[in-house]
């Protein structure tokens, strides 16, 4: 049995637009992601957070843009994205 846990600043309270930074890191077309794919799911009745997560999970896997997205990958990404965190926050733990 596999357990997948994804902890991420999806509401952008810690860094500006962390989701777009993640997508750009893996060369995912953010205009298509937000402007087409995300909009289609919202129009179909999805909650915005679930729409975004669905699209992210659809990009995880062998031969997909996010690859297998391991914990190690997420830690590396965190170090890069956390460089853009809003002033006044403590240093990242990862």
C-alpha atoms as a PDB file:
ATOM      1  CA  UNK A   1       0.000   0.000   0.000  1.00  0.00           C
ATOM      2  CA  UNK A   2       1.311   3.450  -0.900  1.00  0.00           C
ATOM      3  CA  UNK A   3       0.593   6.562   1.125  1.00  0.00           C
ATOM      4  CA  UNK A   4       0.994   9.928  -0.526  1.00  0.00           C
ATOM      5  CA  UNK A   5       1.139  13.076   1.582  1.00  0.00           C
ATOM      6  CA  UNK A   6       1.617  16.430  -0.052  1.00  0.00           C
ATOM      7  CA  UNK A   7       2.185  19.471   2.160  1.00  0.00           C
ATOM      8  CA  UNK A   8       2.424  22.698   0.254  1.00  0.00           C
ATOM      9  CA  UNK A   9       1.580  26.384   0.645  1.00  0.00           C
ATOM     10  CA  UNK A  10      -1.383  26.287  -1.744  1.00  0.00           C
ATOM     11  CA  UNK A  11      -3.047  29.361  -0.301  1.00  0.00           C
ATOM     12  CA  UNK A  12       0.111  31.444  -0.802  1.00  0.00           C
ATOM     13  CA  UNK A  13       0.284  32.714   2.784  1.00  0.00           C
ATOM     14  CA  UNK A  14       4.034  32.027   3.024  1.00  0.00           C
ATOM     15  CA  UNK A  15       5.389  32.749  -0.450  1.00  0.00           C
ATOM     16  CA  UNK A  16       3.918  34.489  -3.486  1.00  0.00           C
ATOM     17  CA  UNK A  17       2.246  32.052  -5.892  1.00  0.00           C
ATOM     18  CA  UNK A  18       4.019  28.902  -4.731  1.00  0.00           C
ATOM     19  CA  UNK A  19       1.961  26.690  -7.024  1.00  0.00           C
ATOM     20  CA  UNK A  20       3.035  28.546 -10.157  1.00  0.00           C
ATOM     21  CA  UNK A  21       6.648  28.396  -8.947  1.00  0.00           C
ATOM     22  CA  UNK A  22       6.320  24.612  -8.600  1.00  0.00           C
ATOM     23  CA  UNK A  23       4.811  24.285 -12.076  1.00  0.00           C
ATOM     24  CA  UNK A  24       7.462  26.496 -13.663  1.00  0.00           C
ATOM     25  CA  UNK A  25      10.235  24.497 -11.973  1.00  0.00           C
ATOM     26  CA  UNK A  26       9.003  21.419 -13.863  1.00  0.00           C
ATOM     27  CA  UNK A  27       8.366  23.326 -17.081  1.00  0.00           C
ATOM     28  CA  UNK A  28       4.588  22.899 -16.952  1.00  0.00           C
ATOM     29  CA  UNK A  29       2.823  25.486 -19.118  1.00  0.00           C
ATOM     30  CA  UNK A  30       1.281  27.707 -16.435  1.00  0.00           C
ATOM     31  CA  UNK A  31      -0.895  29.618 -18.888  1.00  0.00           C
ATOM     32  CA  UNK A  32      -2.515  26.366 -20.011  1.00  0.00           C
ATOM     33  CA  UNK A  33      -2.673  25.011 -16.446  1.00  0.00           C
ATOM     34  CA  UNK A  34      -4.452  28.089 -15.022  1.00  0.00           C
ATOM     35  CA  UNK A  35      -6.068  29.557 -18.138  1.00  0.00           C
ATOM     36  CA  UNK A  36      -7.513  26.392 -19.647  1.00  0.00           C
ATOM     37  CA  UNK A  37      -7.302  23.261 -17.508  1.00  0.00           C
ATOM     38  CA  UNK A  38      -8.052  24.908 -14.152  1.00  0.00           C
ATOM     39  CA  UNK A  39     -10.860  27.028 -15.622  1.00  0.00           C
ATOM     40  CA  UNK A  40     -12.510  23.953 -17.171  1.00  0.00           C
ATOM     41  CA  UNK A  41     -12.589  22.178 -13.819  1.00  0.00           C
ATOM     42  CA  UNK A  42     -13.995  25.255 -12.055  1.00  0.00           C
ATOM     43  CA  UNK A  43     -16.693  25.563 -14.718  1.00  0.00           C
ATOM     44  CA  UNK A  44     -17.483  21.882 -14.171  1.00  0.00           C
ATOM     45  CA  UNK A  45     -18.158  22.642 -10.494  1.00  0.00           C
ATOM     46  CA  UNK A  46     -14.844  21.797  -8.812  1.00  0.00           C
ATOM     47  CA  UNK A  47     -13.744  23.649  -5.702  1.00  0.00           C
ATOM     48  CA  UNK A  48     -10.647  25.691  -6.687  1.00  0.00           C
ATOM     49  CA  UNK A  49      -8.304  23.899  -4.273  1.00  0.00           C
ATOM     50  CA  UNK A  50      -9.454  20.454  -5.415  1.00  0.00           C
ATOM     51  CA  UNK A  51      -9.213  21.516  -9.063  1.00  0.00           C
ATOM     52  CA  UNK A  52      -5.622  22.609  -8.570  1.00  0.00           C
ATOM     53  CA  UNK A  53      -4.703  19.440  -6.665  1.00  0.00           C
ATOM     54  CA  UNK A  54      -6.358  17.238  -9.288  1.00  0.00           C
ATOM     55  CA  UNK A  55      -4.277  18.871 -12.012  1.00  0.00           C
ATOM     56  CA  UNK A  56      -1.089  18.577 -10.000  1.00  0.00           C
ATOM     57  CA  UNK A  57      -1.707  14.895  -9.274  1.00  0.00           C
ATOM     58  CA  UNK A  58      -2.454  14.295 -12.962  1.00  0.00           C
ATOM     59  CA  UNK A  59       1.081  15.560 -13.680  1.00  0.00           C
ATOM     60  CA  UNK A  60       2.745  13.105 -11.276  1.00  0.00           C
ATOM     61  CA  UNK A  61       3.952   9.742 -12.538  1.00  0.00           C
ATOM     62  CA  UNK A  62       6.408   8.035 -14.792  1.00  0.00           C
ATOM     63  CA  UNK A  63       6.918  10.031 -18.002  1.00  0.00           C
ATOM     64  CA  UNK A  64       4.840  12.949 -16.665  1.00  0.00           C
ATOM     65  CA  UNK A  65       6.155  16.478 -16.034  1.00  0.00           C
ATOM     66  CA  UNK A  66       6.452  16.158 -12.241  1.00  0.00           C
ATOM     67  CA  UNK A  67       7.942  12.684 -12.470  1.00  0.00           C
ATOM     68  CA  UNK A  68       7.541  10.568  -9.352  1.00  0.00           C
ATOM     69  CA  UNK A  69       7.852  13.689  -7.132  1.00  0.00           C
ATOM     70  CA  UNK A  70       9.574  12.147  -4.129  1.00  0.00           C
ATOM     71  CA  UNK A  71      10.009  13.622  -0.651  1.00  0.00           C
ATOM     72  CA  UNK A  72      13.583  14.434  -1.640  1.00  0.00           C
ATOM     73  CA  UNK A  73      12.311  16.366  -4.673  1.00  0.00           C
ATOM     74  CA  UNK A  74       9.873  18.316  -2.506  1.00  0.00           C
ATOM     75  CA  UNK A  75      12.617  19.231  -0.029  1.00  0.00           C
ATOM     76  CA  UNK A  76      14.796  20.565  -2.855  1.00  0.00           C
ATOM     77  CA  UNK A  77      11.897  22.543  -4.293  1.00  0.00           C
ATOM     78  CA  UNK A  78      11.071  23.907  -0.832  1.00  0.00           C
ATOM     79  CA  UNK A  79      14.583  25.293  -0.487  1.00  0.00           C
ATOM     80  CA  UNK A  80      14.239  27.110  -3.791  1.00  0.00           C
ATOM     81  CA  UNK A  81      10.689  28.377  -3.308  1.00  0.00           C
ATOM     82  CA  UNK A  82      11.306  29.421   0.294  1.00  0.00           C
ATOM     83  CA  UNK A  83      13.844  31.955  -0.984  1.00  0.00           C
ATOM     84  CA  UNK A  84      10.846  34.025  -2.104  1.00  0.00           C
ATOM     85  CA  UNK A  85       8.971  33.851   1.211  1.00  0.00           C
ATOM     86  CA  UNK A  86       7.378  36.963   2.606  1.00  0.00           C
ATOM     87  CA  UNK A  87       9.491  39.005   5.050  1.00  0.00           C
ATOM     88  CA  UNK A  88       9.122  38.331   8.755  1.00  0.00           C
ATOM     89  CA  UNK A  89       8.661  34.570   8.535  1.00  0.00           C
ATOM     90  CA  UNK A  90      11.063  32.242  10.366  1.00  0.00           C
ATOM     91  CA  UNK A  91      13.619  30.288   8.346  1.00  0.00           C
ATOM     92  CA  UNK A  92      12.214  27.136   6.648  1.00  0.00           C
ATOM     93  CA  UNK A  93      12.564  23.838   8.538  1.00  0.00           C
ATOM     94  CA  UNK A  94      13.323  21.633   5.506  1.00  0.00           C
END
